[in-house]
Amino acid sequence: MALCRGLSLLAIHIALLASLCSAADLFVYFDFEVSYITASPLGVPQQVIAINGKFPGPTINVTTNNNVVVNVRNKLDESLLIHWSGIQQRRSSWQDGLLGTNCPIPPKWNWTYQFQVKDQVGSFFYFPSLHFQRASGGFGGFIINNRAIIPIPFDTPDGDITILIGDWYTRNHTALRKTLDAGKGLGMPDGVLINGKGPYQYNTTLVPDGIDYETIEVHPGKTYRIRVHNVGISTSLNFRIQNHNLLLAETEGSYTVQQNYTSLDIHVGQSYSFLVTMDQNASTDYYIVASARFVNESQWKRVTGVAILHYTNSKGKARGPLPEGPNDEFDKTFSMNQARSIRWNVSASGARPNPQGSFRYGSINVTEVYVLRNKPPEMIDGKRRATLKQ
C-alpha cells in the first residue's frame, strides 16, 4: 500500500514537473517601431516602410516552442497589421495579422502580438498585410530553429544567411494602390531588390552608377544555410548564384529530400533553404541573381536583381555576363516540373504539425458544400476588386 502511494506521488511529481516544463517555455521579446523613412534602393529617393529605422526589417530568430512577444508601434499615417507568413500561432489565430481575424492598429497606437511557435521549424518571413503596404517594405525574415534535442537532417552549417528578393517600384504603395483601384495594371516593376538594395553595376548601360548593392561575405570551404524569400508583390523570380550549386534542404518548415539545383524559381510568398558550399576559387567575386520569370527577357533585363558573393580571399570584382536563367517565356513546363521535383523528407526528425483541433475534422458531419469560382476583377464602388462566385 505504501509502495502504491509512493508510486502515485512519484507520478504526480513527474506530471507536475512536465507541466512546469511546458509552462516554462522561453519567452522572447521584440519591439517593432514601424515608420516611414526616405531611402534610394534604385537610386531614386522614395518613401519606404522601415522597422526600427531599418529597411528591410530585422530578422526574428527564435527556437521552436518559444513564446514570441512582438510589441508593434504604428508610426505610419494609416492603420497597420503585421502578418507572420506561414507561422501557426498556437491557440491564437487572431494574432496572425490579417484583417478579419485582427483589428488594425490605428496610427500612433501599438499592439502586442503574443504567440507560441509550437512544433514548427524552418524559414518564414513577416510583412504588413493592409493597404498594399508590402509594396513599400515593412518585411523581414523569421527563423525558427530546432530545439537541441531534435537533430537536423544535415551537418550543422558554418553560417546562416537570410536573403529577401522581390520586385520593386519607385512609386510608393499609396500611388500603386490608387492605380490598382482605378482598374489599371502596375506595369513592369522598376527593379528587383536583394535585401532592400538595388543591382550591382554588372552592366553600365542597364544599371546606373551610384546604386548601393548587397554584398554577402563568406569563407572559402565553408557551407552556409541560405534562406531565400520572395517578398515581392507580383513577380516570380529565378534565384541563382554564379558557379555554385544550391542544395535544397527545407521549404517553409518542411525538410526536403536534398537535391542540387543550378537555379530555382521562387514565386511570390515562397521561402526556401539551400545549403551552399563555397567550393570555388577566389579569383573573383560571384554574382547572386534574381531575375523575373515568364516575361520577355530582353525587356526585363533592367529589372534584374544582382548582389555579390564575396569570398574573404577574393582577388577581384565579379565581371562578365550574368549566369543565364531558364529561357521559356511561353512555356511553364520547366518551372512546373522543377516544383514537382521537390520531395518532402519524411524520414527527417521535424516538428510535429500543430493539431489546433484539426484532428476532429473527420468526425464533423458535412451538411452543405459550397463551390467558389474565381471571377475576373470588377469595378465595385469605383474601385477594382477581385470577385468570387458561389
Protein backbone atom coordinates (compact mmCIF):
# COMPACT_ATOMS: atom_id res chain seq x y z
CA MET A 1 0.00 0.00 0.00
CA ALA A 2 2.79 2.38 0.93
CA LEU A 3 4.58 1.43 -2.28
CA CYS A 4 1.46 2.28 -4.32
CA ARG A 5 1.15 5.64 -2.54
CA GLY A 6 4.83 6.28 -3.22
CA LEU A 7 4.45 5.45 -6.90
CA SER A 8 1.34 7.63 -7.11
CA LEU A 9 3.17 10.55 -5.53
CA LEU A 10 6.10 9.99 -7.90
CA ALA A 11 3.70 10.02 -10.85
CA ILE A 12 2.14 13.24 -9.59
CA HIS A 13 5.58 14.83 -9.17
CA ILE A 14 6.56 13.80 -12.70
CA ALA A 15 3.29 15.16 -14.09
CA LEU A 16 3.79 18.44 -12.24
CA LEU A 17 7.36 18.67 -13.49
CA ALA A 18 6.22 18.07 -17.06
CA SER A 19 3.55 20.71 -16.64
CA LEU A 20 6.09 23.19 -15.26
CA CYS A 21 8.47 22.48 -18.13
CA SER A 22 5.68 23.11 -20.64
CA ALA A 23 4.67 26.29 -18.87
CA ALA A 24 8.30 27.40 -18.74
CA ASP A 25 8.80 27.52 -22.49
CA LEU A 26 11.06 30.50 -23.08
CA PHE A 27 9.56 33.94 -23.81
CA VAL A 28 11.41 36.09 -26.35
CA TYR A 29 10.62 39.76 -26.78
CA PHE A 30 10.89 42.16 -29.72
CA ASP A 31 9.96 45.81 -30.17
CA PHE A 32 8.96 46.99 -33.66
CA GLU A 33 8.58 50.69 -34.42
CA VAL A 34 7.08 50.90 -37.90
CA SER A 35 7.65 54.22 -39.65
CA TYR A 36 8.40 55.89 -42.96
CA ILE A 37 11.96 56.71 -43.94
CA THR A 38 13.49 58.03 -47.15
CA ALA A 39 15.69 55.57 -49.00
CA SER A 40 17.04 55.18 -52.54
CA PRO A 41 17.25 51.43 -53.27
CA LEU A 42 17.17 52.10 -57.03
CA GLY A 43 19.00 55.43 -56.90
CA VAL A 44 15.78 57.47 -56.64
CA PRO A 45 14.79 58.91 -53.22
CA GLN A 46 11.43 57.50 -52.15
CA GLN A 47 9.31 56.77 -49.10
CA VAL A 48 9.72 53.25 -47.73
CA ILE A 49 8.39 51.48 -44.65
CA ALA A 50 11.09 50.70 -42.10
CA ILE A 51 11.12 48.79 -38.84
CA ASN A 52 13.26 50.31 -36.11
CA GLY A 53 14.62 52.67 -38.76
CA LYS A 54 15.84 49.84 -41.00
CA PHE A 55 14.74 48.57 -44.40
CA PRO A 56 14.25 45.62 -44.61
CA GLY A 57 13.25 44.97 -41.01
CA PRO A 58 15.24 42.85 -38.53
CA THR A 59 15.28 39.06 -38.77
CA ILE A 60 13.42 37.37 -35.91
CA ASN A 61 15.45 34.38 -34.75
CA VAL A 62 13.74 32.03 -32.28
CA THR A 63 13.54 28.34 -31.37
CA THR A 64 10.56 26.02 -31.66
CA ASN A 65 8.19 26.20 -28.65
CA ASN A 66 9.34 29.74 -27.81
CA ASN A 67 6.62 32.18 -26.83
CA VAL A 68 7.14 35.14 -29.15
CA VAL A 69 6.09 38.61 -27.98
CA VAL A 70 6.33 41.43 -30.53
CA ASN A 71 5.22 44.91 -29.49
CA VAL A 72 4.40 46.84 -32.67
CA ARG A 73 4.11 50.63 -32.54
CA ASN A 74 2.46 52.10 -35.62
CA LYS A 75 4.02 55.42 -36.62
CA LEU A 76 2.55 55.37 -40.12
CA ASP A 77 -0.28 57.68 -41.16
CA GLU A 78 -2.65 54.73 -41.76
CA SER A 79 -3.68 51.55 -39.99
CA LEU A 80 -1.29 48.59 -39.89
CA LEU A 81 -1.20 44.83 -39.36
CA ILE A 82 1.88 42.59 -39.41
CA HIS A 83 1.32 39.09 -40.82
CA TRP A 84 3.61 36.21 -39.83
CA SER A 85 3.60 34.29 -43.09
CA GLY A 86 3.27 30.51 -42.72
CA ILE A 87 3.63 30.55 -38.94
CA GLN A 88 0.99 28.72 -36.90
CA GLN A 89 0.08 30.60 -33.74
CA ARG A 90 -0.92 28.08 -31.10
CA ARG A 91 -4.31 28.97 -29.58
CA SER A 92 -4.07 32.48 -31.08
CA SER A 93 -5.05 32.55 -34.75
CA TRP A 94 -6.45 36.01 -34.07
CA GLN A 95 -2.85 37.18 -33.72
CA ASP A 96 -1.97 36.33 -37.32
CA GLY A 97 -2.09 39.94 -38.50
CA LEU A 98 -4.77 39.65 -41.17
CA LEU A 99 -7.89 41.76 -41.50
CA GLY A 100 -10.86 39.71 -40.34
CA THR A 101 -9.03 37.93 -37.54
CA ASN A 102 -7.19 41.04 -36.28
CA CYS A 103 -8.36 44.59 -35.77
CA PRO A 104 -5.98 47.06 -37.48
CA ILE A 105 -3.53 49.03 -35.36
CA PRO A 106 -4.51 52.72 -35.73
CA PRO A 107 -1.83 55.35 -36.36
CA LYS A 108 0.11 56.29 -33.21
CA TRP A 109 -1.17 53.17 -31.43
CA ASN A 110 0.57 49.94 -30.55
CA TRP A 111 -0.41 46.29 -30.35
CA THR A 112 1.48 43.42 -28.77
CA TYR A 113 1.42 40.15 -30.67
CA GLN A 114 1.94 37.09 -28.49
CA PHE A 115 2.02 33.58 -29.90
CA GLN A 116 3.89 30.32 -29.45
CA VAL A 117 5.81 28.87 -32.40
CA LYS A 118 4.67 25.44 -31.30
CA ASP A 119 6.06 22.40 -33.11
CA GLN A 120 7.47 24.41 -36.01
CA VAL A 121 10.90 24.81 -37.55
CA GLY A 122 12.16 26.47 -40.69
CA SER A 123 12.29 29.62 -42.78
CA PHE A 124 9.49 32.18 -42.87
CA PHE A 125 9.02 35.95 -43.18
CA TYR A 126 6.70 38.69 -41.96
CA PHE A 127 5.14 41.64 -43.81
CA PRO A 128 2.42 44.32 -43.48
CA SER A 129 -0.88 42.94 -44.76
CA LEU A 130 -3.02 46.09 -45.22
CA HIS A 131 -3.29 48.89 -47.79
CA PHE A 132 -0.73 47.36 -50.17
CA GLN A 133 1.98 48.46 -47.69
CA ARG A 134 4.13 45.44 -48.53
CA ALA A 135 4.96 47.21 -51.82
CA SER A 136 6.80 49.82 -49.71
CA GLY A 137 8.59 47.46 -47.33
CA GLY A 138 7.95 46.55 -43.72
CA PHE A 139 9.08 42.96 -44.25
CA GLY A 140 11.80 40.80 -42.71
CA GLY A 141 12.92 37.22 -42.13
CA PHE A 142 11.60 34.89 -39.43
CA ILE A 143 13.74 31.87 -38.45
CA ILE A 144 12.51 29.07 -36.19
CA ASN A 145 15.40 26.83 -35.12
CA ASN A 146 15.23 23.24 -33.91
CA ARG A 147 15.45 22.56 -30.22
CA ALA A 148 18.79 20.98 -29.33
CA ILE A 149 17.21 17.58 -28.71
CA ILE A 150 15.81 17.44 -32.27
CA PRO A 151 18.54 16.72 -34.88
CA ILE A 152 18.58 18.42 -38.24
CA PRO A 153 18.98 16.14 -41.31
CA PHE A 154 22.33 17.64 -42.34
CA ASP A 155 25.58 18.73 -40.75
CA THR A 156 25.35 21.99 -38.84
CA PRO A 157 26.15 24.77 -41.36
CA ASP A 158 29.05 27.14 -40.76
CA GLY A 159 26.74 30.13 -41.07
CA ASP A 160 23.15 31.23 -41.66
CA ILE A 161 22.25 33.85 -44.27
CA THR A 162 18.83 35.40 -44.99
CA ILE A 163 18.16 36.80 -48.47
CA LEU A 164 14.99 38.74 -49.29
CA ILE A 165 14.25 39.11 -53.01
CA GLY A 166 11.33 40.92 -54.58
CA ASP A 167 10.08 43.20 -57.33
CA TRP A 168 10.11 46.93 -56.55
CA TYR A 169 8.53 50.17 -57.77
CA THR A 170 9.84 53.68 -57.17
CA ARG A 171 6.23 54.80 -56.63
CA ASN A 172 5.13 54.22 -53.04
CA HIS A 173 2.31 51.92 -52.03
CA THR A 174 -0.34 54.64 -51.89
CA ALA A 175 0.29 55.58 -55.54
CA LEU A 176 0.35 51.93 -56.56
CA ARG A 177 -2.88 51.30 -54.66
CA LYS A 178 -4.63 54.15 -56.47
CA THR A 179 -3.51 52.69 -59.79
CA LEU A 180 -5.00 49.30 -58.94
CA ASP A 181 -8.20 50.83 -57.56
CA ALA A 182 -8.63 52.67 -60.85
CA GLY A 183 -8.63 49.35 -62.69
CA LYS A 184 -5.17 49.70 -64.20
CA GLY A 185 -2.22 47.33 -64.09
CA LEU A 186 1.01 48.21 -62.31
CA GLY A 187 3.18 47.56 -65.35
CA MET A 188 6.77 46.43 -65.27
CA PRO A 189 8.49 46.99 -61.91
CA ASP A 190 11.37 49.42 -61.74
CA GLY A 191 13.72 46.81 -60.35
CA VAL A 192 14.28 43.73 -58.22
CA LEU A 193 15.80 44.27 -54.79
CA ILE A 194 18.03 41.88 -52.86
CA ASN A 195 17.93 42.61 -49.13
CA GLY A 196 16.44 46.01 -49.86
CA LYS A 197 19.23 47.06 -52.21
CA GLY A 198 19.45 47.59 -55.94
CA PRO A 199 21.58 45.78 -58.51
CA TYR A 200 25.35 45.64 -58.68
CA GLN A 201 26.55 47.51 -61.76
CA TYR A 202 27.35 44.49 -63.89
CA ASN A 203 26.32 46.45 -66.99
CA THR A 204 26.79 50.22 -67.23
CA THR A 205 24.02 50.54 -69.82
CA LEU A 206 21.38 48.74 -67.76
CA VAL A 207 22.46 49.78 -64.25
CA PRO A 208 23.23 53.42 -63.45
CA ASP A 209 26.15 54.36 -61.26
CA GLY A 210 25.79 55.08 -57.55
CA ILE A 211 23.31 52.34 -56.55
CA ASP A 212 24.03 50.59 -53.26
CA TYR A 213 24.10 46.81 -53.70
CA GLU A 214 24.18 43.87 -51.29
CA THR A 215 27.47 42.07 -50.59
CA ILE A 216 27.45 38.75 -48.75
CA GLU A 217 30.84 37.77 -47.35
CA VAL A 218 31.72 34.08 -46.98
CA HIS A 219 34.75 31.99 -46.07
CA PRO A 220 36.22 29.56 -48.60
CA GLY A 221 35.44 25.90 -47.97
CA LYS A 222 32.59 26.65 -45.57
CA THR A 223 28.96 25.56 -46.04
CA TYR A 224 26.19 28.07 -45.38
CA ARG A 225 22.45 27.73 -44.97
CA ILE A 226 21.00 30.38 -47.26
CA ARG A 227 17.31 31.17 -46.68
CA VAL A 228 15.70 32.88 -49.66
CA HIS A 229 12.26 34.55 -49.50
CA ASN A 230 10.32 36.17 -52.37
CA VAL A 231 8.78 39.15 -50.55
CA GLY A 232 7.60 40.88 -53.73
CA ILE A 233 4.05 41.64 -54.78
CA SER A 234 3.59 40.04 -58.20
CA THR A 235 6.74 38.74 -59.90
CA SER A 236 8.06 35.18 -59.87
CA LEU A 237 11.84 35.19 -59.68
CA ASN A 238 14.58 32.74 -60.62
CA PHE A 239 17.34 32.63 -57.99
CA ARG A 240 20.89 31.51 -58.72
CA ILE A 241 24.48 32.00 -57.57
CA GLN A 242 27.16 32.03 -60.24
CA ASN A 243 29.16 28.74 -60.36
CA HIS A 244 27.58 27.44 -57.13
CA ASN A 245 25.17 24.57 -56.59
CA LEU A 246 22.08 25.14 -54.48
CA LEU A 247 21.40 22.06 -52.36
CA LEU A 248 17.74 22.39 -51.41
CA ALA A 249 17.16 21.30 -47.79
CA GLU A 250 13.96 22.91 -46.48
CA THR A 251 10.92 24.89 -47.56
CA GLU A 252 8.64 26.77 -45.15
CA GLY A 253 9.01 24.41 -42.23
CA SER A 254 9.39 21.11 -44.08
CA TYR A 255 12.72 19.41 -44.68
CA THR A 256 13.07 18.22 -48.26
CA VAL A 257 14.91 15.38 -49.92
CA GLN A 258 18.20 17.09 -50.67
CA GLN A 259 18.64 17.87 -54.36
CA ASN A 260 21.07 20.11 -56.24
CA TYR A 261 19.79 22.92 -58.43
CA THR A 262 21.74 25.41 -60.50
CA SER A 263 18.78 27.76 -60.14
CA LEU A 264 15.29 27.61 -58.65
CA ASP A 265 12.09 29.50 -59.40
CA ILE A 266 10.79 31.18 -56.24
CA HIS A 267 7.27 32.53 -56.59
CA VAL A 268 5.77 35.36 -54.55
CA GLY A 269 5.42 34.36 -50.90
CA GLN A 270 7.64 31.27 -51.14
CA SER A 271 10.65 30.53 -48.93
CA TYR A 272 13.45 28.00 -49.46
CA SER A 273 16.60 26.96 -47.58
CA PHE A 274 19.70 25.96 -49.54
CA LEU A 275 22.98 24.51 -48.35
CA VAL A 276 25.70 26.18 -50.39
CA THR A 277 29.34 25.16 -50.12
CA MET A 278 31.92 27.81 -51.00
CA ASP A 279 34.00 25.46 -53.14
CA GLN A 280 35.05 27.78 -55.96
CA ASN A 281 38.38 29.50 -56.41
CA ALA A 282 38.58 33.10 -55.30
CA SER A 283 39.92 34.66 -58.49
CA THR A 284 36.88 36.96 -58.44
CA ASP A 285 33.65 37.62 -56.58
CA TYR A 286 30.49 35.87 -57.82
CA TYR A 287 27.08 37.14 -58.89
CA ILE A 288 23.90 36.42 -56.92
CA VAL A 289 20.98 36.88 -59.33
CA ALA A 290 17.19 37.17 -59.02
CA SER A 291 15.53 37.62 -62.41
CA ALA A 292 11.89 37.75 -63.50
CA ARG A 293 10.21 34.66 -64.91
CA PHE A 294 7.69 34.15 -67.74
CA VAL A 295 8.46 37.55 -69.25
CA ASN A 296 10.23 38.92 -72.31
CA GLU A 297 13.81 38.70 -71.07
CA SER A 298 15.12 41.42 -73.40
CA GLN A 299 12.62 43.95 -71.99
CA TRP A 300 13.05 42.93 -68.36
CA LYS A 301 16.86 42.86 -68.17
CA ARG A 302 16.95 46.24 -66.50
CA VAL A 303 14.91 44.99 -63.52
CA THR A 304 17.17 42.04 -62.70
CA GLY A 305 18.40 41.93 -59.10
CA VAL A 306 22.14 41.40 -58.67
CA ALA A 307 24.12 41.05 -55.45
CA ILE A 308 27.70 39.94 -54.80
CA LEU A 309 29.03 36.81 -53.12
CA HIS A 310 32.42 37.83 -51.77
CA TYR A 311 34.98 35.26 -50.61
CA THR A 312 37.20 36.62 -47.85
CA ASN A 313 40.24 35.84 -50.02
CA SER A 314 38.74 37.11 -53.27
CA LYS A 315 41.23 38.59 -55.70
CA GLY A 316 38.89 40.83 -57.68
CA LYS A 317 35.42 42.06 -58.54
CA ALA A 318 32.80 39.96 -60.32
CA ARG A 319 32.88 40.51 -64.05
CA GLY A 320 31.41 39.30 -67.29
CA PRO A 321 27.81 38.41 -68.14
CA LEU A 322 25.35 37.18 -65.54
CA PRO A 323 24.74 33.42 -65.30
CA GLU A 324 21.78 32.61 -67.51
CA GLY A 325 18.44 31.56 -66.10
CA PRO A 326 15.71 29.49 -67.78
CA ASN A 327 14.56 30.84 -71.14
CA ASP A 328 10.96 29.70 -71.53
CA GLU A 329 8.77 32.80 -71.64
CA PHE A 330 5.78 30.99 -73.16
CA ASP A 331 6.34 27.55 -71.65
CA LYS A 332 5.65 26.91 -67.96
CA THR A 333 6.71 23.23 -68.19
CA PHE A 334 10.22 23.74 -66.80
CA SER A 335 9.01 25.60 -63.74
CA MET A 336 6.17 23.15 -63.09
CA ASN A 337 8.48 20.14 -63.40
CA GLN A 338 11.00 21.81 -61.14
CA ALA A 339 8.34 22.34 -58.47
CA ARG A 340 7.19 18.73 -58.82
CA SER A 341 10.77 17.51 -58.30
CA ILE A 342 10.77 18.79 -54.71
CA ARG A 343 10.05 15.98 -52.26
CA TRP A 344 9.28 16.05 -48.55
CA ASN A 345 11.89 14.29 -46.40
CA VAL A 346 9.53 12.12 -44.37
CA SER A 347 12.39 10.42 -42.50
CA ALA A 348 13.76 13.65 -41.02
CA SER A 349 13.10 14.49 -37.37
CA GLY A 350 10.92 17.51 -37.83
CA ALA A 351 8.46 19.35 -35.65
CA ARG A 352 5.04 17.76 -35.33
CA PRO A 353 2.12 19.52 -37.01
CA ASN A 354 0.14 21.54 -34.50
CA PRO A 355 -3.32 19.91 -34.30
CA GLN A 356 -5.21 23.07 -33.18
CA GLY A 357 -8.36 20.95 -33.16
CA SER A 358 -7.94 19.78 -36.75
CA PHE A 359 -7.75 16.15 -35.62
CA ARG A 360 -11.53 16.34 -35.04
CA TYR A 361 -12.41 17.41 -38.55
CA GLY A 362 -13.05 13.83 -39.66
CA SER A 363 -15.85 13.44 -37.12
CA ILE A 364 -17.76 16.53 -38.30
CA ASN A 365 -20.79 15.79 -40.46
CA VAL A 366 -20.79 17.69 -43.74
CA THR A 367 -24.24 19.19 -44.29
CA GLU A 368 -23.57 21.74 -47.03
CA VAL A 369 -20.98 22.08 -49.80
CA TYR A 370 -20.08 25.40 -51.45
CA VAL A 371 -18.10 25.67 -54.66
CA LEU A 372 -16.37 29.02 -55.15
CA ARG A 373 -15.16 30.07 -58.58
CA ASN A 374 -12.64 32.81 -59.20
CA LYS A 375 -14.03 35.51 -61.49
CA PRO A 376 -12.37 38.41 -63.33
CA PRO A 377 -11.97 41.64 -61.34
CA GLU A 378 -14.88 44.08 -61.35
CA MET A 379 -15.34 47.76 -60.51
CA ILE A 380 -17.14 48.00 -57.15
CA ASP A 381 -17.83 51.45 -55.69
CA GLY A 382 -15.38 52.91 -58.18
CA LYS A 383 -12.57 50.53 -57.25
CA ARG A 384 -11.27 47.41 -58.96
CA ARG A 385 -11.87 44.36 -56.80
CA ALA A 386 -11.28 40.61 -57.11
CA THR A 387 -14.52 38.61 -57.08
CA LEU A 388 -15.72 35.10 -56.31
CA LYS A 389 -18.86 33.38 -57.48
CA GLN A 390 -20.69 30.75 -55.47
